[in-house]
């Protein structure tokens, strides 16, 4: 099955992590490949304590503008994910129909922020579609990030759009802007909080 978590609202990665924890709790092996992230957010520290939940990050600190280095990192992450699926697929073939349930324990792959990587042309959409068509029948694959291409939505089994209705960052940015006008650099904008946003 192919799951897409997209939209401009907060909670896409958090939702994917919840799916990963549920799968790990059921004894399945989980891999989360993070694109455009450096692996420094707080949840990664806890996930590393879970023996059957592996995570690997393919990004650098900060956001854009994206360069050739970002493209190389994203492609490296995608190759890493392909290897995971290939191994899971080989196990499935070796076990035959009788062992299908047993091989499902290798079955969850989270491609965190891959939609954004495709949007900025760091990974090709066509390449990802082919990958999903090849492995999405036997392995549960979750794709997160805003800007999900319509080609991915077309092949997905489930698509959830996270919609922002209200966000404290916008209010904080407005207030910071007013403070900045009054107080100069001392009135800088709201920062992401460790343990909540990162």
Protein backbone atom coordinates (compact mmCIF):
# COMPACT_ATOMS: atom_id res chain seq x y z
CA UNK A 1 0.00 0.00 0.00
CA UNK A 2 1.12 3.53 -0.77
CA UNK A 3 0.23 6.31 1.69
CA UNK A 4 0.69 10.02 0.99
CA UNK A 5 0.70 12.64 3.77
CA UNK A 6 0.80 16.06 2.14
CA UNK A 7 -0.50 19.62 2.43
CA UNK A 8 0.63 22.83 4.11
CA UNK A 9 -0.53 21.84 7.63
CA UNK A 10 1.65 20.71 10.52
CA UNK A 11 1.81 17.01 11.41
CA UNK A 12 2.82 15.05 8.30
CA UNK A 13 6.08 13.66 9.66
CA UNK A 14 4.51 13.24 13.11
CA UNK A 15 1.74 11.12 11.57
CA UNK A 16 4.25 9.00 9.64
CA UNK A 17 6.24 8.48 12.84
CA UNK A 18 3.05 7.29 14.55
CA UNK A 19 2.57 4.72 11.77
CA UNK A 20 6.20 3.68 12.21
CA UNK A 21 5.83 3.23 15.97
CA UNK A 22 2.67 1.18 15.50
CA UNK A 23 4.39 -1.07 12.94
CA UNK A 24 7.50 -1.44 15.14
CA UNK A 25 5.26 -2.31 18.10
CA UNK A 26 3.69 -5.05 15.96
CA UNK A 27 7.17 -6.53 15.35
CA UNK A 28 7.67 -5.16 11.82
CA UNK A 29 10.96 -3.67 10.70
CA UNK A 30 10.62 0.01 9.81
CA UNK A 31 12.94 2.24 7.84
CA UNK A 32 12.55 6.00 7.66
CA UNK A 33 14.69 7.78 5.08
CA UNK A 34 14.59 11.53 5.67
CA UNK A 35 15.16 13.89 2.76
CA UNK A 36 16.29 17.51 3.26
CA UNK A 37 16.72 16.93 7.02
CA UNK A 38 19.93 16.41 8.96
CA UNK A 39 18.56 14.02 11.61
CA UNK A 40 18.98 16.44 14.50
CA UNK A 41 15.31 16.67 15.56
CA UNK A 42 14.47 15.31 19.00
CA UNK A 43 12.40 12.26 17.95
CA UNK A 44 15.39 10.71 16.13
CA UNK A 45 17.17 10.27 19.49
CA UNK A 46 14.26 8.15 20.79
CA UNK A 47 13.75 6.19 17.58
CA UNK A 48 17.38 5.03 17.76
CA UNK A 49 16.43 3.16 20.96
CA UNK A 50 13.92 1.02 19.01
CA UNK A 51 15.79 -1.95 17.55
CA UNK A 52 13.42 -2.54 14.62
CA UNK A 53 12.96 1.14 13.64
CA UNK A 54 15.89 2.37 11.59
CA UNK A 55 16.26 5.97 10.48
CA UNK A 56 18.77 7.62 8.19
CA UNK A 57 18.88 11.28 7.18
CA UNK A 58 20.00 12.64 3.83
CA UNK A 59 20.12 16.39 4.27
CA UNK A 60 21.95 19.30 5.79
CA UNK A 61 20.96 21.83 8.45
CA UNK A 62 18.61 24.59 7.30
CA UNK A 63 16.26 25.05 4.35
CA UNK A 64 17.12 25.96 0.73
CA UNK A 65 18.20 27.32 -1.55
CA UNK A 66 18.94 23.83 -2.81
CA UNK A 67 22.16 22.97 -4.58
CA UNK A 68 23.87 20.09 -6.38
CA UNK A 69 24.97 18.81 -2.94
CA UNK A 70 21.31 18.57 -1.87
CA UNK A 71 20.53 16.69 -5.08
CA UNK A 72 23.34 14.20 -4.39
CA UNK A 73 22.13 13.68 -0.82
CA UNK A 74 18.52 13.16 -1.97
CA UNK A 75 19.57 10.67 -4.66
CA UNK A 76 21.69 8.82 -2.12
CA UNK A 77 18.66 8.60 0.21
CA UNK A 78 16.46 7.29 -2.58
CA UNK A 79 19.05 4.63 -3.47
CA UNK A 80 19.20 3.63 0.20
CA UNK A 81 15.39 3.22 0.25
CA UNK A 82 15.48 1.17 -2.96
CA UNK A 83 17.96 -1.24 -1.38
CA UNK A 84 15.63 -1.69 1.60
CA UNK A 85 12.73 -2.53 -0.72
CA UNK A 86 14.84 -4.86 -2.83
CA UNK A 87 15.87 -6.85 0.25
CA UNK A 88 12.29 -6.98 1.53
CA UNK A 89 11.10 -8.08 -1.90
CA UNK A 90 13.74 -10.84 -2.12
CA UNK A 91 12.70 -12.16 1.30
CA UNK A 92 9.09 -12.19 0.12
CA UNK A 93 9.95 -14.15 -3.04
CA UNK A 94 12.08 -16.69 -1.15
CA UNK A 95 9.39 -17.37 1.40
CA UNK A 96 6.67 -18.05 -1.20
CA UNK A 97 2.92 -17.77 -0.49
CA UNK A 98 3.15 -19.73 2.77
CA UNK A 99 5.71 -17.31 4.19
CA UNK A 100 4.04 -14.11 3.01
CA UNK A 101 2.78 -13.19 6.50
CA UNK A 102 6.26 -13.74 7.98
CA UNK A 103 7.93 -11.58 5.32
CA UNK A 104 5.49 -8.75 5.98
CA UNK A 105 7.53 -7.95 9.08
CA UNK A 106 9.92 -6.17 6.71
CA UNK A 107 7.13 -4.03 5.40
CA UNK A 108 7.16 -0.32 6.32
CA UNK A 109 9.19 2.33 4.56
CA UNK A 110 8.76 6.04 5.35
CA UNK A 111 10.11 8.50 2.78
CA UNK A 112 10.00 11.67 4.85
CA UNK A 113 9.89 14.94 2.85
CA UNK A 114 10.38 13.12 -0.47
CA UNK A 115 7.52 15.20 -1.94
CA UNK A 116 9.53 18.36 -1.29
CA UNK A 117 12.64 16.74 -2.83
CA UNK A 118 10.61 15.98 -5.98
CA UNK A 119 9.10 19.48 -6.02
CA UNK A 120 12.57 21.03 -6.10
CA UNK A 121 13.67 18.50 -8.75
CA UNK A 122 16.27 16.86 -6.51
CA UNK A 123 14.71 13.46 -7.37
CA UNK A 124 12.75 12.67 -10.53
CA UNK A 125 8.99 12.13 -10.23
CA UNK A 126 9.01 9.43 -12.90
CA UNK A 127 11.70 7.51 -11.01
CA UNK A 128 9.64 7.60 -7.80
CA UNK A 129 6.45 6.52 -9.61
CA UNK A 130 8.29 3.50 -11.11
CA UNK A 131 9.66 2.63 -7.68
CA UNK A 132 6.17 2.80 -6.12
CA UNK A 133 4.67 0.64 -8.87
CA UNK A 134 7.38 -1.96 -8.36
CA UNK A 135 7.37 -2.17 -4.56
CA UNK A 136 4.09 -0.63 -3.35
CA UNK A 137 2.13 -3.88 -3.67
CA UNK A 138 4.26 -5.83 -1.19
CA UNK A 139 5.66 -3.13 1.09
CA UNK A 140 3.79 -0.34 2.85
CA UNK A 141 5.36 2.94 1.73
CA UNK A 142 4.61 6.34 3.29
CA UNK A 143 5.55 9.54 1.44
CA UNK A 144 5.45 12.83 3.34
CA UNK A 145 5.89 16.49 2.51
CA UNK A 146 3.95 19.31 0.93
CA UNK A 147 3.74 19.76 -2.85
CA UNK A 148 2.92 16.11 -3.62
CA UNK A 149 2.98 15.68 -7.42
CA UNK A 150 -0.29 14.58 -9.05
CA UNK A 151 1.52 11.57 -10.56
CA UNK A 152 2.23 10.27 -7.05
CA UNK A 153 -1.33 10.94 -5.90
CA UNK A 154 -2.56 8.91 -8.87
CA UNK A 155 -0.64 5.76 -7.85
CA UNK A 156 -1.29 6.13 -4.09
CA UNK A 157 -3.83 4.03 -2.21
CA UNK A 158 -4.45 6.64 0.50
CA UNK A 159 -3.87 10.39 0.37
CA UNK A 160 -4.35 12.67 3.36
CA UNK A 161 -4.03 16.43 2.96
CA UNK A 162 -3.02 18.35 6.08
CA UNK A 163 -4.58 21.80 5.87
CA UNK A 164 -3.37 24.75 7.90
CA UNK A 165 -6.26 26.67 9.44
CA UNK A 166 -4.35 28.62 12.06
CA UNK A 167 -0.65 28.59 12.97
CA UNK A 168 1.12 30.39 15.80
CA UNK A 169 4.22 30.96 13.61
CA UNK A 170 2.23 33.44 11.50
CA UNK A 171 1.05 35.36 14.55
CA UNK A 172 4.57 35.26 16.01
CA UNK A 173 6.04 36.50 12.72
CA UNK A 174 3.59 39.41 12.62
CA UNK A 175 4.37 40.34 16.22
CA UNK A 176 8.11 39.95 15.61
CA UNK A 177 7.82 42.18 12.55
CA UNK A 178 6.14 44.89 14.64
CA UNK A 179 8.76 44.48 17.40
CA UNK A 180 11.57 44.58 14.84
CA UNK A 181 10.33 47.91 13.55
CA UNK A 182 10.29 49.24 17.10
CA UNK A 183 13.35 47.54 18.60
CA UNK A 184 15.66 46.52 15.74
CA UNK A 185 17.42 43.08 15.67
CA UNK A 186 16.57 42.45 19.36
CA UNK A 187 12.94 41.77 18.34
CA UNK A 188 13.69 38.80 16.05
CA UNK A 189 11.04 36.19 15.09
CA UNK A 190 9.72 33.19 17.03
CA UNK A 191 12.08 30.15 16.97
CA UNK A 192 11.14 26.49 16.67
CA UNK A 193 10.97 24.86 20.11
CA UNK A 194 12.99 21.74 20.87
CA UNK A 195 10.67 18.83 21.59
CA UNK A 196 7.70 20.44 19.85
CA UNK A 197 8.74 21.63 16.36
CA UNK A 198 12.16 19.97 16.31
